[in-house]
PDB file of N, CA and C in Angstrom:
ATOM      1  N   MET A   1       0.989  -1.126   0.159  1.00  0.00           N
ATOM      2  CA  MET A   1       0.200   0.172   0.159  1.00  0.00           C
ATOM      3  C   MET A   1       0.649   0.973  -0.044  1.00  0.00           C
ATOM      4  N   ALA A   2       0.798   2.285  -0.788  1.00  0.00           N
ATOM      5  CA  ALA A   2       1.582   3.299  -0.900  1.00  0.00           C
ATOM      6  C   ALA A   2       0.559   4.935  -1.281  1.00  0.00           C
ATOM      7  N   ILE A   3       1.137   5.653  -0.904  1.00  0.00           N
ATOM      8  CA  ILE A   3       0.467   7.190  -1.214  1.00  0.00           C
ATOM      9  C   ILE A   3       1.351   8.190  -1.565  1.00  0.00           C
ATOM     10  N   PHE A   4       1.467   8.085  -2.716  1.00  0.00           N
ATOM     11  CA  PHE A   4       2.121   9.538  -3.552  1.00  0.00           C
ATOM     12  C   PHE A   4       1.524  10.624  -3.903  1.00  0.00           C
ATOM     13  N   LYS A   5       2.200  11.555  -4.439  1.00  0.00           N
ATOM     14  CA  LYS A   5       1.928  12.846  -4.889  1.00  0.00           C
ATOM     15  C   LYS A   5       2.072  12.861  -6.341  1.00  0.00           C
ATOM     16  N   ARG A   6       1.164  13.329  -7.210  1.00  0.00           N
ATOM     17  CA  ARG A   6       1.189  13.417  -8.779  1.00  0.00           C
ATOM     18  C   ARG A   6       0.865  15.316  -8.644  1.00  0.00           C
ATOM     19  N   GLY A   7       1.796  16.065  -8.726  1.00  0.00           N
ATOM     20  CA  GLY A   7       1.495  17.283  -9.053  1.00  0.00           C
ATOM     21  C   GLY A   7       0.865  17.808  -7.359  1.00  0.00           C
ATOM     22  N   LYS A   8      -0.153  18.334  -7.327  1.00  0.00           N
ATOM     23  CA  LYS A   8      -0.356  18.728  -5.940  1.00  0.00           C
ATOM     24  C   LYS A   8      -1.627  17.886  -4.953  1.00  0.00           C
ATOM     25  N   THR A   9      -1.858  16.825  -6.083  1.00  0.00           N
ATOM     26  CA  THR A   9      -2.766  15.695  -5.719  1.00  0.00           C
ATOM     27  C   THR A   9      -2.158  14.376  -5.161  1.00  0.00           C
ATOM     28  N   TYR A  10      -2.929  14.353  -3.998  1.00  0.00           N
ATOM     29  CA  TYR A  10      -2.579  12.824  -3.546  1.00  0.00           C
ATOM     30  C   TYR A  10      -3.219  11.915  -4.189  1.00  0.00           C
ATOM     31  N   TRP A  11      -2.585  10.520  -4.361  1.00  0.00           N
ATOM     32  CA  TRP A  11      -2.791   9.492  -4.682  1.00  0.00           C
ATOM     33  C   TRP A  11      -2.554   7.979  -4.192  1.00  0.00           C
ATOM     34  N   TYR A  12      -3.491   7.071  -4.227  1.00  0.00           N
ATOM     35  CA  TYR A  12      -3.303   5.394  -3.050  1.00  0.00           C
ATOM     36  C   TYR A  12      -2.663   4.709  -4.065  1.00  0.00           C
ATOM     37  N   GLU A  13      -2.369   3.519  -3.831  1.00  0.00           N
ATOM     38  CA  GLU A  13      -2.038   2.764  -4.509  1.00  0.00           C
ATOM     39  C   GLU A  13      -1.944   1.091  -3.953  1.00  0.00           C
ATOM     40  N   PHE A  14      -2.896  -0.142  -3.918  1.00  0.00           N
ATOM     41  CA  PHE A  14      -2.522  -0.968  -2.958  1.00  0.00           C
ATOM     42  C   PHE A  14      -2.876  -1.891  -4.022  1.00  0.00           C
ATOM     43  N   GLU A  15      -3.102  -3.464  -3.655  1.00  0.00           N
ATOM     44  CA  GLU A  15      -3.441  -4.595  -4.559  1.00  0.00           C
ATOM     45  C   GLU A  15      -4.532  -5.147  -3.871  1.00  0.00           C
ATOM     46  N   PHE A  16      -5.262  -5.482  -4.417  1.00  0.00           N
ATOM     47  CA  PHE A  16      -6.681  -5.958  -4.008  1.00  0.00           C
ATOM     48  C   PHE A  16      -6.607  -7.867  -5.005  1.00  0.00           C
ATOM     49  N   LEU A  17      -6.573  -8.939  -4.267  1.00  0.00           N
ATOM     50  CA  LEU A  17      -6.861 -10.457  -5.518  1.00  0.00           C
ATOM     51  C   LEU A  17      -5.894  -9.670  -6.475  1.00  0.00           C
ATOM     52  N   GLY A  18      -5.162 -10.143  -6.058  1.00  0.00           N
ATOM     53  CA  GLY A  18      -4.152  -9.379  -7.407  1.00  0.00           C
ATOM     54  C   GLY A  18      -3.933  -8.301  -8.177  1.00  0.00           C
ATOM     55  N   GLN A  19      -4.895  -7.571  -7.968  1.00  0.00           N
ATOM     56  CA  GLN A  19      -4.866  -6.473  -9.088  1.00  0.00           C
ATOM     57  C   GLN A  19      -5.128  -5.333  -8.040  1.00  0.00           C
ATOM     58  N   ARG A  20      -3.943  -4.140  -8.971  1.00  0.00           N
ATOM     59  CA  ARG A  20      -3.242  -3.037  -8.627  1.00  0.00           C
ATOM     60  C   ARG A  20      -4.234  -1.889  -8.396  1.00  0.00           C
ATOM     61  N   VAL A  21      -4.723  -1.752  -7.635  1.00  0.00           N
ATOM     62  CA  VAL A  21      -6.035  -0.397  -7.610  1.00  0.00           C
ATOM     63  C   VAL A  21      -5.303   1.097  -7.309  1.00  0.00           C
ATOM     64  N   ARG A  22      -5.530   1.847  -8.019  1.00  0.00           N
ATOM     65  CA  ARG A  22      -4.695   3.197  -8.082  1.00  0.00           C
ATOM     66  C   ARG A  22      -5.716   3.881  -8.183  1.00  0.00           C
ATOM     67  N   GLU A  23      -5.862   4.963  -7.405  1.00  0.00           N
ATOM     68  CA  GLU A  23      -7.094   5.748  -7.578  1.00  0.00           C
ATOM     69  C   GLU A  23      -6.723   7.151  -6.958  1.00  0.00           C
ATOM     70  N   SER A  24      -7.096   8.209  -7.327  1.00  0.00           N
ATOM     71  CA  SER A  24      -6.452   9.922  -6.713  1.00  0.00           C
ATOM     72  C   SER A  24      -7.735  10.028  -6.010  1.00  0.00           C
ATOM     73  N   SER A  25      -6.876  10.872  -5.573  1.00  0.00           N
ATOM     74  CA  SER A  25      -7.569  11.049  -3.700  1.00  0.00           C
ATOM     75  C   SER A  25      -8.675  12.480  -3.699  1.00  0.00           C
ATOM     76  N   HIS A  26      -8.625  13.173  -5.156  1.00  0.00           N
ATOM     77  CA  HIS A  26      -8.549  14.520  -5.712  1.00  0.00           C
ATOM     78  C   HIS A  26      -8.470  15.228  -4.178  1.00  0.00           C
ATOM     79  N   SER A  27      -7.501  15.103  -3.809  1.00  0.00           N
ATOM     80  CA  SER A  27      -7.354  15.993  -2.385  1.00  0.00           C
ATOM     81  C   SER A  27      -5.739  16.420  -2.612  1.00  0.00           C
ATOM     82  N   ARG A  28      -5.382  17.455  -1.692  1.00  0.00           N
ATOM     83  CA  ARG A  28      -4.387  17.700  -1.298  1.00  0.00           C
ATOM     84  C   ARG A  28      -3.475  17.759   0.007  1.00  0.00           C
ATOM     85  N   ASN A  29      -4.430  16.604   0.564  1.00  0.00           N
ATOM     86  CA  ASN A  29      -4.648  16.448   2.090  1.00  0.00           C
ATOM     87  C   ASN A  29      -4.021  15.126   2.523  1.00  0.00           C
ATOM     88  N   LYS A  30      -2.856  14.837   2.928  1.00  0.00           N
ATOM     89  CA  LYS A  30      -2.608  13.330   2.819  1.00  0.00           C
ATOM     90  C   LYS A  30      -3.516  12.469   3.812  1.00  0.00           C
ATOM     91  N   GLU A  31      -3.459  13.038   4.791  1.00  0.00           N
ATOM     92  CA  GLU A  31      -4.723  12.167   5.611  1.00  0.00           C
ATOM     93  C   GLU A  31      -5.818  11.734   5.112  1.00  0.00           C
ATOM     94  N   VAL A  32      -6.500  12.703   4.019  1.00  0.00           N
ATOM     95  CA  VAL A  32      -7.871  12.740   3.592  1.00  0.00           C
ATOM     96  C   VAL A  32      -7.643  10.987   2.362  1.00  0.00           C
ATOM     97  N   CYS A  33      -6.394  11.535   1.854  1.00  0.00           N
ATOM     98  CA  CYS A  33      -5.699  10.017   1.052  1.00  0.00           C
ATOM     99  C   CYS A  33      -6.144   8.634   1.584  1.00  0.00           C
ATOM    100  N   GLU A  34      -5.083   9.134   3.261  1.00  0.00           N
ATOM    101  CA  GLU A  34      -4.772   7.554   3.945  1.00  0.00           C
ATOM    102  C   GLU A  34      -6.476   7.142   4.363  1.00  0.00           C
ATOM    103  N   ARG A  35      -7.337   7.998   4.724  1.00  0.00           N
ATOM    104  CA  ARG A  35      -8.472   7.952   4.882  1.00  0.00           C
ATOM    105  C   ARG A  35      -9.577   7.241   3.512  1.00  0.00           C
ATOM    106  N   LEU A  36      -9.255   7.842   2.280  1.00  0.00           N
ATOM    107  CA  LEU A  36      -9.713   6.968   1.150  1.00  0.00           C
ATOM    108  C   LEU A  36      -9.386   5.782   0.876  1.00  0.00           C
ATOM    109  N   MET A  37      -8.127   5.678   1.033  1.00  0.00           N
ATOM    110  CA  MET A  37      -7.725   4.585   0.748  1.00  0.00           C
ATOM    111  C   MET A  37      -7.889   3.277   1.614  1.00  0.00           C
ATOM    112  N   ARG A  38      -7.949   3.509   2.763  1.00  0.00           N
ATOM    113  CA  ARG A  38      -9.080   2.354   3.785  1.00  0.00           C
ATOM    114  C   ARG A  38     -10.557   2.410   3.310  1.00  0.00           C
ATOM    115  N   ASP A  39     -10.736   2.853   3.336  1.00  0.00           N
ATOM    116  CA  ASP A  39     -12.138   3.073   2.539  1.00  0.00           C
ATOM    117  C   ASP A  39     -12.712   2.347   1.734  1.00  0.00           C
ATOM    118  N   ARG A  40     -11.890   2.578   0.581  1.00  0.00           N
ATOM    119  CA  ARG A  40     -12.263   1.757  -0.999  1.00  0.00           C
ATOM    120  C   ARG A  40     -11.446   0.522  -0.495  1.00  0.00           C
ATOM    121  N   ARG A  41     -10.637   0.530   0.116  1.00  0.00           N
ATOM    122  CA  ARG A  41     -10.129  -1.293   0.599  1.00  0.00           C
ATOM    123  C   ARG A  41     -11.326  -2.024   0.874  1.00  0.00           C
ATOM    124  N   ARG A  42     -11.739  -1.431   1.892  1.00  0.00           N
ATOM    125  CA  ARG A  42     -12.636  -2.347   3.236  1.00  0.00           C
ATOM    126  C   ARG A  42     -13.859  -2.594   2.455  1.00  0.00           C
ATOM    127  N   SER A  43     -14.585  -1.691   1.351  1.00  0.00           N
ATOM    128  CA  SER A  43     -15.515  -1.751   0.991  1.00  0.00           C
ATOM    129  C   SER A  43     -15.175  -2.700  -0.396  1.00  0.00           C
ATOM    130  N   LEU A  44     -14.181  -2.789  -1.061  1.00  0.00           N
ATOM    131  CA  LEU A  44     -14.037  -4.309  -1.831  1.00  0.00           C
ATOM    132  C   LEU A  44     -14.041  -5.323  -0.915  1.00  0.00           C
ATOM    133  N   GLU A  45     -13.173  -5.177   0.358  1.00  0.00           N
ATOM    134  CA  GLU A  45     -13.527  -6.116   1.021  1.00  0.00           C
ATOM    135  C   GLU A  45     -14.929  -6.694   1.133  1.00  0.00           C
ATOM    136  N   LEU A  46     -15.806  -5.976   1.578  1.00  0.00           N
ATOM    137  CA  LEU A  46     -16.996  -6.788   1.908  1.00  0.00           C
ATOM    138  C   LEU A  46     -18.038  -6.767   0.721  1.00  0.00           C
ATOM    139  N   GLY A  47     -17.159  -6.176  -0.332  1.00  0.00           N
ATOM    140  CA  GLY A  47     -17.683  -6.876  -1.592  1.00  0.00           C
ATOM    141  C   GLY A  47     -18.045  -7.961  -2.402  1.00  0.00           C
ATOM    142  N   ILE A  48     -15.911  -8.456  -2.107  1.00  0.00           N
ATOM    143  CA  ILE A  48     -15.776  -9.805  -2.153  1.00  0.00           C
ATOM    144  C   ILE A  48     -16.351 -10.733  -1.589  1.00  0.00           C
ATOM    145  N   GLY A  49     -16.758 -10.673  -0.305  1.00  0.00           N
ATOM    146  CA  GLY A  49     -17.461 -10.928   1.087  1.00  0.00           C
ATOM    147  C   GLY A  49     -18.901 -11.339   1.112  1.00  0.00           C
ATOM    148  N   GLY A  50     -20.084 -10.833  -0.335  1.00  0.00           N
ATOM    149  CA  GLY A  50     -21.187 -10.905  -0.001  1.00  0.00           C
ATOM    150  C   GLY A  50     -21.855  -9.655   0.844  1.00  0.00           C
ATOM    151  N   LEU A  51     -21.034  -9.016   1.572  1.00  0.00           N
ATOM    152  CA  LEU A  51     -21.427  -8.320   3.087  1.00  0.00           C
ATOM    153  C   LEU A  51     -21.767  -6.798   2.552  1.00  0.00           C
ATOM    154  N   SER A  52     -22.497  -6.000   2.771  1.00  0.00           N
ATOM    155  CA  SER A  52     -22.977  -4.749   2.273  1.00  0.00           C
ATOM    156  C   SER A  52     -22.744  -4.015   3.593  1.00  0.00           C
ATOM    157  N   GLU A  53     -22.873  -2.427   3.664  1.00  0.00           N
ATOM    158  CA  GLU A  53     -22.739  -1.558   4.910  1.00  0.00           C
ATOM    159  C   GLU A  53     -24.193  -2.057   5.684  1.00  0.00           C
ATOM    160  N   VAL A  54     -24.234  -1.705   6.824  1.00  0.00           N
ATOM    161  CA  VAL A  54     -25.636  -1.754   7.536  1.00  0.00           C
ATOM    162  C   VAL A  54     -25.384  -0.569   7.426  1.00  0.00           C
ATOM    163  N   ALA A  55     -27.045  -0.195   7.019  1.00  0.00           N
ATOM    164  CA  ALA A  55     -27.167   1.193   7.045  1.00  0.00           C
ATOM    165  C   ALA A  55     -27.762   1.524   8.818  1.00  0.00           C
ATOM    166  N   LYS A  56     -27.704   2.664   9.042  1.00  0.00           N
ATOM    167  CA  LYS A  56     -28.257   3.057  10.251  1.00  0.00           C
ATOM    168  C   LYS A  56     -29.577   3.441  10.192  1.00  0.00           C
ATOM    169  N   PRO A  57     -30.110   3.028  11.342  1.00  0.00           N
ATOM    170  CA  PRO A  57     -31.721   3.453  11.395  1.00  0.00           C
ATOM    171  C   PRO A  57     -32.058   5.356  11.009  1.00  0.00           C
ATOM    172  N   LYS A  58     -32.968   5.219  10.597  1.00  0.00           N
ATOM    173  CA  LYS A  58     -33.562   6.904  10.208  1.00  0.00           C
ATOM    174  C   LYS A  58     -34.836   6.755  10.743  1.00  0.00           C
ATOM    175  N   LEU A  59     -35.265   8.155  11.222  1.00  0.00           N
ATOM    176  CA  LEU A  59     -36.355   8.313  11.816  1.00  0.00           C
ATOM    177  C   LEU A  59     -37.144   9.133  10.628  1.00  0.00           C
ATOM    178  N   PHE A  60     -38.323   8.848  11.094  1.00  0.00           N
ATOM    179  CA  PHE A  60     -39.457   8.792   9.963  1.00  0.00           C
ATOM    180  C   PHE A  60     -39.057   9.909   9.485  1.00  0.00           C
ATOM    181  N   ALA A  61     -39.132  10.951  10.505  1.00  0.00           N
ATOM    182  CA  ALA A  61     -39.592  12.408   9.655  1.00  0.00           C
ATOM    183  C   ALA A  61     -38.358  13.541   8.528  1.00  0.00           C
ATOM    184  N   PRO A  62     -36.942  12.934   9.106  1.00  0.00           N
ATOM    185  CA  PRO A  62     -36.099  13.296   8.188  1.00  0.00           C
ATOM    186  C   PRO A  62     -36.121  12.497   7.198  1.00  0.00           C
ATOM    187  N   ALA A  63     -35.845  10.898   7.344  1.00  0.00           N
ATOM    188  CA  ALA A  63     -36.259  10.456   6.016  1.00  0.00           C
ATOM    189  C   ALA A  63     -37.244  10.794   4.837  1.00  0.00           C
ATOM    190  N   ALA A  64     -38.338  10.914   5.502  1.00  0.00           N
ATOM    191  CA  ALA A  64     -39.850  11.252   4.878  1.00  0.00           C
ATOM    192  C   ALA A  64     -39.117  13.181   4.114  1.00  0.00           C
ATOM    193  N   HIS A  65     -38.600  13.797   4.823  1.00  0.00           N
ATOM    194  CA  HIS A  65     -38.360  15.162   4.172  1.00  0.00           C
ATOM    195  C   HIS A  65     -36.748  15.362   3.160  1.00  0.00           C
ATOM    196  N   ALA A  66     -36.232  13.961   3.321  1.00  0.00           N
ATOM    197  CA  ALA A  66     -35.188  13.223   2.490  1.00  0.00           C
ATOM    198  C   ALA A  66     -35.668  13.170   1.123  1.00  0.00           C
ATOM    199  N   TYR A  67     -36.842  12.219   1.025  1.00  0.00           N
ATOM    200  CA  TYR A  67     -37.549  11.910   0.229  1.00  0.00           C
ATOM    201  C   TYR A  67     -38.134  12.984  -1.041  1.00  0.00           C
ATOM    202  N   LEU A  68     -38.784  14.117   0.371  1.00  0.00           N
ATOM    203  CA  LEU A  68     -39.488  14.858  -0.940  1.00  0.00           C
ATOM    204  C   LEU A  68     -38.272  15.556  -1.823  1.00  0.00           C
ATOM    205  N   LEU A  69     -37.083  15.657  -0.465  1.00  0.00           N
ATOM    206  CA  LEU A  69     -36.790  16.793  -1.314  1.00  0.00           C
ATOM    207  C   LEU A  69     -35.665  15.908  -2.804  1.00  0.00           C
ATOM    208  N   GLU A  70     -35.618  14.591  -2.336  1.00  0.00           N
ATOM    209  CA  GLU A  70     -34.834  13.760  -3.830  1.00  0.00           C
ATOM    210  C   GLU A  70     -35.921  13.791  -4.794  1.00  0.00           C
ATOM    211  N   ARG A  71     -37.244  13.108  -4.766  1.00  0.00           N
ATOM    212  CA  ARG A  71     -37.859  13.189  -5.975  1.00  0.00           C
ATOM    213  C   ARG A  71     -38.449  14.424  -6.154  1.00  0.00           C
ATOM    214  N   GLU A  72     -38.791  15.835  -5.865  1.00  0.00           N
ATOM    215  CA  GLU A  72     -38.951  16.635  -6.040  1.00  0.00           C
ATOM    216  C   GLU A  72     -38.359  17.455  -7.476  1.00  0.00           C
ATOM    217  N   PRO A  73     -37.450  17.274  -8.126  1.00  0.00           N
ATOM    218  CA  PRO A  73     -36.992  17.236  -8.912  1.00  0.00           C
ATOM    219  C   PRO A  73     -38.173  16.981 -10.520  1.00  0.00           C
ATOM    220  N   HIS A  74     -38.349  15.686 -10.021  1.00  0.00           N
ATOM    221  CA  HIS A  74     -39.334  14.562 -10.818  1.00  0.00           C
ATOM    222  C   HIS A  74     -40.661  14.595 -10.769  1.00  0.00           C
ATOM    223  N   TRP A  75     -41.175  15.858  -9.922  1.00  0.00           N
ATOM    224  CA  TRP A  75     -42.678  16.021  -9.599  1.00  0.00           C
ATOM    225  C   TRP A  75     -43.273  17.439  -9.988  1.00  0.00           C
ATOM    226  N   GLU A  76     -44.201  17.411 -10.466  1.00  0.00           N
ATOM    227  CA  GLU A  76     -45.706  18.513 -11.252  1.00  0.00           C
ATOM    228  C   GLU A  76     -45.254  19.244  -9.559  1.00  0.00           C
ATOM    229  N   PRO A  77     -45.475  20.739  -9.760  1.00  0.00           N
ATOM    230  CA  PRO A  77     -45.883  21.023  -8.253  1.00  0.00           C
ATOM    231  C   PRO A  77     -47.274  20.662  -7.665  1.00  0.00           C
ATOM    232  N   LYS A  78     -48.470  20.319  -8.282  1.00  0.00           N
ATOM    233  CA  LYS A  78     -49.154  19.672  -8.061  1.00  0.00           C
ATOM    234  C   LYS A  78     -48.982  18.880  -6.794  1.00  0.00           C
ATOM    235  N   THR A  79     -48.237  17.870  -7.687  1.00  0.00           N
ATOM    236  CA  THR A  79     -47.876  16.333  -7.463  1.00  0.00           C
ATOM    237  C   THR A  79     -46.797  16.919  -5.928  1.00  0.00           C
ATOM    238  N   ARG A  80     -46.008  17.467  -5.923  1.00  0.00           N
ATOM    239  CA  ARG A  80     -45.608  18.241  -4.512  1.00  0.00           C
ATOM    240  C   ARG A  80     -46.294  18.719  -3.533  1.00  0.00           C
ATOM    241  N   LEU A  81     -47.219  19.112  -3.892  1.00  0.00           N
ATOM    242  CA  LEU A  81     -48.070  19.380  -2.843  1.00  0.00           C
ATOM    243  C   LEU A  81     -49.025  18.681  -2.173  1.00  0.00           C
ATOM    244  N   VAL A  82     -49.942  17.994  -3.336  1.00  0.00           N
ATOM    245  CA  VAL A  82     -50.178  16.213  -2.614  1.00  0.00           C
ATOM    246  C   VAL A  82     -49.155  15.391  -1.782  1.00  0.00           C
ATOM    247  N   HIS A  83     -48.065  15.245  -1.987  1.00  0.00           N
ATOM    248  CA  HIS A  83     -47.281  14.618  -0.656  1.00  0.00           C
ATOM    249  C   HIS A  83     -46.649  15.877   0.316  1.00  0.00           C
ATOM    250  N   ALA A  84     -46.417  16.787  -0.030  1.00  0.00           N
ATOM    251  CA  ALA A  84     -45.909  17.959   0.934  1.00  0.00           C
ATOM    252  C   ALA A  84     -47.026  17.573   2.009  1.00  0.00           C
ATOM    253  N   ASN A  85     -49.032  17.289   1.856  1.00  0.00           N
ATOM    254  CA  ASN A  85     -49.715  17.197   2.673  1.00  0.00           C
ATOM    255  C   ASN A  85     -50.200  16.138   3.283  1.00  0.00           C
ATOM    256  N   SER A  86     -49.752  14.668   2.308  1.00  0.00           N
ATOM    257  CA  SER A  86     -49.282  13.575   2.653  1.00  0.00           C
ATOM    258  C   SER A  86     -48.690  14.015   4.141  1.00  0.00           C
ATOM    259  N   LEU A  87     -47.168  14.124   3.838  1.00  0.00           N
ATOM    260  CA  LEU A  87     -46.674  14.100   5.281  1.00  0.00           C
ATOM    261  C   LEU A  87     -46.667  14.929   5.988  1.00  0.00           C
ATOM    262  N   ALA A  88     -47.316  16.245   6.172  1.00  0.00           N
ATOM    263  CA  ALA A  88     -47.821  16.446   6.786  1.00  0.00           C
ATOM    264  C   ALA A  88     -48.687  15.994   8.210  1.00  0.00           C
ATOM    265  N   HIS A  89     -49.457  14.705   7.281  1.00  0.00           N
ATOM    266  CA  HIS A  89     -50.388  14.230   8.508  1.00  0.00           C
ATOM    267  C   HIS A  89     -49.315  12.708   9.021  1.00  0.00           C
ATOM    268  N   LEU A  90     -48.930  12.422   8.154  1.00  0.00           N
ATOM    269  CA  LEU A  90     -48.194  11.407   8.845  1.00  0.00           C
ATOM    270  C   LEU A  90     -47.056  11.946   9.594  1.00  0.00           C
ATOM    271  N   GLU A  91     -46.980  12.736   9.547  1.00  0.00           N
ATOM    272  CA  GLU A  91     -45.567  13.396  10.894  1.00  0.00           C
ATOM    273  C   GLU A  91     -45.939  13.156  12.311  1.00  0.00           C
ATOM    274  N   PRO A  92     -47.100  13.440  12.676  1.00  0.00           N
ATOM    275  CA  PRO A  92     -47.649  13.319  14.220  1.00  0.00           C
ATOM    276  C   PRO A  92     -47.464  12.070  14.642  1.00  0.00           C
ATOM    277  N   HIS A  93     -47.721  11.199  13.900  1.00  0.00           N
ATOM    278  CA  HIS A  93     -48.281   9.824  14.203  1.00  0.00           C
ATOM    279  C   HIS A  93     -46.770   9.252  13.501  1.00  0.00           C
ATOM    280  N   PHE A  94     -45.801   9.464  12.767  1.00  0.00           N
ATOM    281  CA  PHE A  94     -44.370   8.424  12.600  1.00  0.00           C
ATOM    282  C   PHE A  94     -43.396   9.450  12.630  1.00  0.00           C
ATOM    283  N   GLY A  95     -43.767  10.205  13.377  1.00  0.00           N
ATOM    284  CA  GLY A  95     -42.262  11.501  13.333  1.00  0.00           C
ATOM    285  C   GLY A  95     -41.581  11.177  13.674  1.00  0.00           C
ATOM    286  N   LYS A  96     -41.510  10.760  15.092  1.00  0.00           N
ATOM    287  CA  LYS A  96     -40.397   9.939  16.186  1.00  0.00           C
ATOM    288  C   LYS A  96     -40.554   8.692  16.063  1.00  0.00           C
ATOM    289  N   LEU A  97     -40.575   8.171  15.025  1.00  0.00           N
ATOM    290  CA  LEU A  97     -40.724   6.594  15.158  1.00  0.00           C
ATOM    291  C   LEU A  97     -39.662   5.850  13.892  1.00  0.00           C
ATOM    292  N   MET A  98     -38.739   4.891  14.611  1.00  0.00           N
ATOM    293  CA  MET A  98     -37.232   5.061  13.351  1.00  0.00           C
ATOM    294  C   MET A  98     -38.173   3.979  12.035  1.00  0.00           C
ATOM    295  N   LEU A  99     -37.959   3.611  11.228  1.00  0.00           N
ATOM    296  CA  LEU A  99     -38.424   3.439   9.793  1.00  0.00           C
ATOM    297  C   LEU A  99     -38.286   1.981  10.374  1.00  0.00           C
ATOM    298  N   THR A 100     -37.374   1.475  10.783  1.00  0.00           N
ATOM    299  CA  THR A 100     -37.546   0.000  10.912  1.00  0.00           C
ATOM    300  C   THR A 100     -38.804  -0.190  12.519  1.00  0.00           C
ATOM    301  N   GLU A 101     -38.876   0.728  13.228  1.00  0.00           N
ATOM    302  CA  GLU A 101     -40.165   0.339  14.089  1.00  0.00           C
ATOM    303  C   GLU A 101     -41.683   0.313  13.706  1.00  0.00           C
ATOM    304  N   ILE A 102     -41.857   0.940  12.500  1.00  0.00           N
ATOM    305  CA  ILE A 102     -43.330   0.869  12.089  1.00  0.00           C
ATOM    306  C   ILE A 102     -43.872  -0.328  11.488  1.00  0.00           C
ATOM    307  N   THR A 103     -44.997  -0.609  12.338  1.00  0.00           N
ATOM    308  CA  THR A 103     -45.354  -1.938  12.097  1.00  0.00           C
ATOM    309  C   THR A 103     -46.658  -1.768  11.572  1.00  0.00           C
ATOM    310  N   ALA A 104     -47.518  -2.898  11.015  1.00  0.00           N
ATOM    311  CA  ALA A 104     -48.761  -2.611  10.583  1.00  0.00           C
ATOM    312  C   ALA A 104     -49.800  -2.021  11.879  1.00  0.00           C
ATOM    313  N   ALA A 105     -49.335  -2.656  13.036  1.00  0.00           N
ATOM    314  CA  ALA A 105     -50.103  -2.044  13.819  1.00  0.00           C
ATOM    315  C   ALA A 105     -49.914  -0.361  13.995  1.00  0.00           C
ATOM    316  N   HIS A 106     -48.954   0.109  13.540  1.00  0.00           N
ATOM    317  CA  HIS A 106     -49.021   1.504  13.709  1.00  0.00           C
ATOM    318  C   HIS A 106     -49.599   1.810  12.960  1.00  0.00           C
ATOM    319  N   ILE A 107     -49.663   1.493  11.285  1.00  0.00           N
ATOM    320  CA  ILE A 107     -50.453   2.162  10.453  1.00  0.00           C
ATOM    321  C   ILE A 107     -51.925   1.712  10.430  1.00  0.00           C
ATOM    322  N   SER A 108     -52.405   0.567  11.198  1.00  0.00           N
ATOM    323  CA  SER A 108     -53.267   0.170  11.530  1.00  0.00           C
ATOM    324  C   SER A 108     -54.280   1.258  12.646  1.00  0.00           C
ATOM    325  N   LYS A 109     -53.811   1.812  13.495  1.00  0.00           N
ATOM    326  CA  LYS A 109     -53.983   2.917  14.249  1.00  0.00           C
ATOM    327  C   LYS A 109     -53.651   3.918  13.820  1.00  0.00           C
ATOM    328  N   TYR A 110     -53.157   4.274  12.906  1.00  0.00           N
ATOM    329  CA  TYR A 110     -52.713   5.632  11.891  1.00  0.00           C
ATOM    330  C   TYR A 110     -54.430   5.600  11.376  1.00  0.00           C
ATOM    331  N   GLN A 111     -54.331   5.010  10.929  1.00  0.00           N
ATOM    332  CA  GLN A 111     -55.555   4.840   9.738  1.00  0.00           C
ATOM    333  C   GLN A 111     -56.906   4.834  10.686  1.00  0.00           C
ATOM    334  N   ARG A 112     -57.352   4.124  11.615  1.00  0.00           N
ATOM    335  CA  ARG A 112     -58.347   4.109  12.164  1.00  0.00           C
ATOM    336  C   ARG A 112     -58.578   6.017  12.806  1.00  0.00           C
ATOM    337  N   ALA A 113     -57.612   6.332  13.366  1.00  0.00           N
ATOM    338  CA  ALA A 113     -57.566   7.858  14.046  1.00  0.00           C
ATOM    339  C   ALA A 113     -57.871   8.874  12.713  1.00  0.00           C
ATOM    340  N   ARG A 114     -57.277   8.470  11.571  1.00  0.00           N
ATOM    341  CA  ARG A 114     -57.979   9.483  10.314  1.00  0.00           C
ATOM    342  C   ARG A 114     -59.087   9.167  10.128  1.00  0.00           C
ATOM    343  N   LEU A 115     -59.642   7.954  10.045  1.00  0.00           N
ATOM    344  CA  LEU A 115     -61.640   7.615   9.789  1.00  0.00           C
ATOM    345  C   LEU A 115     -62.197   8.666  10.786  1.00  0.00           C
ATOM    346  N   LYS A 116     -61.397   8.661  12.206  1.00  0.00           N
ATOM    347  CA  LYS A 116     -62.334   9.112  13.181  1.00  0.00           C
ATOM    348  C   LYS A 116     -62.602  10.729  12.730  1.00  0.00           C
ATOM    349  N   GLN A 117     -60.898  11.027  12.256  1.00  0.00           N
ATOM    350  CA  GLN A 117     -61.341  12.833  12.179  1.00  0.00           C
ATOM    351  C   GLN A 117     -62.627  12.741  10.449  1.00  0.00           C
TER     352      GLN A 117
END
């Protein structure tokens, strides 16, 4: 494993399964390059073993807002309004729950509450 400088940019190089991996860090900072090299090697090792990074659990409210921001360029203004309105109804019920915690029971409880309204 090696870190070297080409011009003002640091590069890293290592061997993985007999193949040389040489990539630019696109950075002028050596520590950043070292970290990128470790992360790249780790991602290759996880991929070869059939493993993947475990996603950190997300709260419903930030995940829903992120979804709206991600999809916004692909929607017409009226569609954006409909989804924002739906989120306004869902947030009081699911906002503080993690996405992995939301179950069919939570959804049924929400549906009953909405029908009463």
